[in-house]
Amino acid sequence: MFVSLVVVTVFMSALLLVSAGAKSLRTRHITEQMSTLGVPQGMMGFLIGAQIAGAAGVIAGLWWGPVGIAAAIGLTLYFAGAVAFHLRVGDRKGASPAAALTLASVALAVLRAATL
């Protein structure tokens, strides 16, 4: 089961860091999407920081379980918020990836708790 945890952790961390990088570059696609969702530009730094902290937390959680569980719970809340923002503006297409990442975050928390 620990191998499954490591695979999901590496996948999620890579995805979070790529997403944080894209947000920090403020590409036109990201800027338009955030504007459509009603996310103020001033929140971008917070979102980038949350993604980097989440990636670091789940990686650190491989060695210290409680940190991994806390990070996975934080990521679950982060992505559930993303789902809510997408659905609020009627963007079902955009909500699907966020919903999948919400489930992946729950899986991280469950896997880490099961391997303590």
C-alpha atoms as a PDB file:
ATOM      1  CA  MET A   1       0.000   0.000   0.000  1.00  0.00           C
ATOM      2  CA  PHE A   2       2.932   2.319   0.641  1.00  0.00           C
ATOM      3  CA  VAL A   3       3.946   2.006  -3.019  1.00  0.00           C
ATOM      4  CA  SER A   4       0.488   3.246  -4.040  1.00  0.00           C
ATOM      5  CA  LEU A   5       0.901   6.177  -1.662  1.00  0.00           C
ATOM      6  CA  VAL A   6       4.271   7.065  -3.192  1.00  0.00           C
ATOM      7  CA  VAL A   7       2.889   6.898  -6.751  1.00  0.00           C
ATOM      8  CA  VAL A   8      -0.116   9.112  -5.958  1.00  0.00           C
ATOM      9  CA  THR A   9       2.097  11.503  -3.961  1.00  0.00           C
ATOM     10  CA  VAL A  10       4.606  11.928  -6.787  1.00  0.00           C
ATOM     11  CA  PHE A  11       1.822  12.396  -9.358  1.00  0.00           C
ATOM     12  CA  MET A  12      -0.028  14.942  -7.235  1.00  0.00           C
ATOM     13  CA  SER A  13       3.132  16.865  -6.311  1.00  0.00           C
ATOM     14  CA  ALA A  14       4.252  17.105  -9.932  1.00  0.00           C
ATOM     15  CA  LEU A  15       0.821  18.268 -11.001  1.00  0.00           C
ATOM     16  CA  LEU A  16       0.682  20.886  -8.246  1.00  0.00           C
ATOM     17  CA  LEU A  17       4.116  22.268  -9.103  1.00  0.00           C
ATOM     18  CA  VAL A  18       3.296  22.470 -12.817  1.00  0.00           C
ATOM     19  CA  SER A  19       0.030  24.245 -12.003  1.00  0.00           C
ATOM     20  CA  ALA A  20       1.781  26.663  -9.623  1.00  0.00           C
ATOM     21  CA  GLY A  21       4.361  27.372 -12.318  1.00  0.00           C
ATOM     22  CA  ALA A  22       1.652  28.095 -14.880  1.00  0.00           C
ATOM     23  CA  LYS A  23      -0.106  30.414 -12.441  1.00  0.00           C
ATOM     24  CA  SER A  24       3.138  32.243 -11.671  1.00  0.00           C
ATOM     25  CA  LEU A  25       3.747  32.833 -15.391  1.00  0.00           C
ATOM     26  CA  ARG A  26       0.265  34.365 -15.614  1.00  0.00           C
ATOM     27  CA  THR A  27      -0.328  32.983 -19.072  1.00  0.00           C
ATOM     28  CA  ARG A  28      -3.289  34.329 -21.002  1.00  0.00           C
ATOM     29  CA  HIS A  29      -5.190  31.049 -20.540  1.00  0.00           C
ATOM     30  CA  ILE A  30      -4.754  31.096 -16.761  1.00  0.00           C
ATOM     31  CA  THR A  31      -5.547  34.800 -16.484  1.00  0.00           C
ATOM     32  CA  GLU A  32      -8.735  34.418 -18.548  1.00  0.00           C
ATOM     33  CA  GLN A  33      -9.818  31.350 -16.609  1.00  0.00           C
ATOM     34  CA  MET A  34      -9.312  33.035 -13.232  1.00  0.00           C
ATOM     35  CA  SER A  35     -11.170  36.118 -14.463  1.00  0.00           C
ATOM     36  CA  THR A  36     -14.084  33.957 -15.665  1.00  0.00           C
ATOM     37  CA  LEU A  37     -14.188  32.215 -12.288  1.00  0.00           C
ATOM     38  CA  GLY A  38     -14.197  35.548 -10.470  1.00  0.00           C
ATOM     39  CA  VAL A  39     -10.856  34.985  -8.740  1.00  0.00           C
ATOM     40  CA  PRO A  40      -9.212  38.346  -7.983  1.00  0.00           C
ATOM     41  CA  GLN A  41      -5.671  38.740  -9.357  1.00  0.00           C
ATOM     42  CA  GLY A  42      -4.534  39.478  -5.805  1.00  0.00           C
ATOM     43  CA  MET A  43      -5.373  35.887  -4.839  1.00  0.00           C
ATOM     44  CA  MET A  44      -2.939  34.366  -7.342  1.00  0.00           C
ATOM     45  CA  GLY A  45      -0.024  34.523  -4.901  1.00  0.00           C
ATOM     46  CA  PHE A  46      -2.090  32.725  -2.275  1.00  0.00           C
ATOM     47  CA  LEU A  47      -3.153  30.019  -4.742  1.00  0.00           C
ATOM     48  CA  ILE A  48       0.434  29.508  -5.915  1.00  0.00           C
ATOM     49  CA  GLY A  49       1.641  29.297  -2.313  1.00  0.00           C
ATOM     50  CA  ALA A  50      -1.104  26.840  -1.385  1.00  0.00           C
ATOM     51  CA  GLN A  51      -0.157  24.562  -4.269  1.00  0.00           C
ATOM     52  CA  ILE A  52       3.559  24.647  -3.434  1.00  0.00           C
ATOM     53  CA  ALA A  53       2.835  24.070   0.262  1.00  0.00           C
ATOM     54  CA  GLY A  54       0.529  21.177  -0.621  1.00  0.00           C
ATOM     55  CA  ALA A  55       3.195  19.552  -2.788  1.00  0.00           C
ATOM     56  CA  ALA A  56       5.829  19.977  -0.090  1.00  0.00           C
ATOM     57  CA  GLY A  57       3.445  18.717   2.589  1.00  0.00           C
ATOM     58  CA  VAL A  58       2.494  15.495   0.848  1.00  0.00           C
ATOM     59  CA  ILE A  59       6.161  14.793   0.028  1.00  0.00           C
ATOM     60  CA  ALA A  60       7.183  15.457   3.650  1.00  0.00           C
ATOM     61  CA  GLY A  61       4.256  13.276   4.681  1.00  0.00           C
ATOM     62  CA  LEU A  62       6.004  10.237   3.235  1.00  0.00           C
ATOM     63  CA  TRP A  63       8.371  10.484   6.210  1.00  0.00           C
ATOM     64  CA  TRP A  64       6.060  12.036   8.796  1.00  0.00           C
ATOM     65  CA  GLY A  65       2.525  10.732   8.420  1.00  0.00           C
ATOM     66  CA  PRO A  66       0.552  13.435  10.246  1.00  0.00           C
ATOM     67  CA  VAL A  67       2.015  16.132   7.978  1.00  0.00           C
ATOM     68  CA  GLY A  68       0.996  14.136   4.912  1.00  0.00           C
ATOM     69  CA  ILE A  69      -2.532  13.688   6.200  1.00  0.00           C
ATOM     70  CA  ALA A  70      -2.831  17.397   7.037  1.00  0.00           C
ATOM     71  CA  ALA A  71      -1.509  18.371   3.594  1.00  0.00           C
ATOM     72  CA  ALA A  72      -3.898  15.969   1.853  1.00  0.00           C
ATOM     73  CA  ILE A  73      -6.824  17.403   3.809  1.00  0.00           C
ATOM     74  CA  GLY A  74      -5.728  20.915   2.833  1.00  0.00           C
ATOM     75  CA  LEU A  75      -5.520  19.867  -0.824  1.00  0.00           C
ATOM     76  CA  THR A  76      -8.966  18.302  -0.581  1.00  0.00           C
ATOM     77  CA  LEU A  77     -10.361  21.621   0.623  1.00  0.00           C
ATOM     78  CA  TYR A  78      -8.405  23.532  -2.043  1.00  0.00           C
ATOM     79  CA  PHE A  79      -9.747  21.414  -4.897  1.00  0.00           C
ATOM     80  CA  ALA A  80     -13.280  21.259  -3.464  1.00  0.00           C
ATOM     81  CA  GLY A  81     -13.178  25.060  -3.520  1.00  0.00           C
ATOM     82  CA  ALA A  82     -12.053  24.927  -7.145  1.00  0.00           C
ATOM     83  CA  VAL A  83     -15.025  22.678  -7.971  1.00  0.00           C
ATOM     84  CA  ALA A  84     -17.360  25.143  -6.251  1.00  0.00           C
ATOM     85  CA  PHE A  85     -15.902  28.097  -8.173  1.00  0.00           C
ATOM     86  CA  HIS A  86     -16.283  26.284 -11.502  1.00  0.00           C
ATOM     87  CA  LEU A  87     -19.847  25.196 -10.789  1.00  0.00           C
ATOM     88  CA  ARG A  88     -20.775  28.668  -9.538  1.00  0.00           C
ATOM     89  CA  VAL A  89     -20.187  30.065 -13.031  1.00  0.00           C
ATOM     90  CA  GLY A  90     -21.668  27.044 -14.806  1.00  0.00           C
ATOM     91  CA  ASP A  91     -18.319  25.632 -15.963  1.00  0.00           C
ATOM     92  CA  ARG A  92     -19.014  21.896 -15.696  1.00  0.00           C
ATOM     93  CA  LYS A  93     -16.163  21.086 -18.068  1.00  0.00           C
ATOM     94  CA  GLY A  94     -13.658  22.843 -15.788  1.00  0.00           C
ATOM     95  CA  ALA A  95     -15.185  21.330 -12.659  1.00  0.00           C
ATOM     96  CA  SER A  96     -14.419  17.764 -13.746  1.00  0.00           C
ATOM     97  CA  PRO A  97     -10.611  17.923 -13.418  1.00  0.00           C
ATOM     98  CA  ALA A  98     -10.953  19.729 -10.092  1.00  0.00           C
ATOM     99  CA  ALA A  99     -13.356  17.015  -8.890  1.00  0.00           C
ATOM    100  CA  ALA A 100     -10.888  14.312  -9.936  1.00  0.00           C
ATOM    101  CA  LEU A 101      -8.124  16.092  -8.023  1.00  0.00           C
ATOM    102  CA  THR A 102     -10.406  16.387  -5.002  1.00  0.00           C
ATOM    103  CA  LEU A 103     -10.841  12.608  -5.073  1.00  0.00           C
ATOM    104  CA  ALA A 104      -7.100  12.095  -5.542  1.00  0.00           C
ATOM    105  CA  SER A 105      -6.490  14.279  -2.483  1.00  0.00           C
ATOM    106  CA  VAL A 106      -8.945  12.210  -0.444  1.00  0.00           C
ATOM    107  CA  ALA A 107      -7.127   9.080  -1.659  1.00  0.00           C
ATOM    108  CA  LEU A 108      -3.833  10.579  -0.463  1.00  0.00           C
ATOM    109  CA  ALA A 109      -5.266  11.183   3.002  1.00  0.00           C
ATOM    110  CA  VAL A 110      -6.735   7.678   3.200  1.00  0.00           C
ATOM    111  CA  LEU A 111      -3.590   5.987   1.888  1.00  0.00           C
ATOM    112  CA  ARG A 112      -1.362   7.917   4.291  1.00  0.00           C
ATOM    113  CA  ALA A 113      -3.622   7.141   7.245  1.00  0.00           C
ATOM    114  CA  ALA A 114      -3.652   3.465   6.277  1.00  0.00           C
ATOM    115  CA  THR A 115       0.139   3.317   6.140  1.00  0.00           C
ATOM    116  CA  LEU A 116       0.880   4.936   9.509  1.00  0.00           C
END
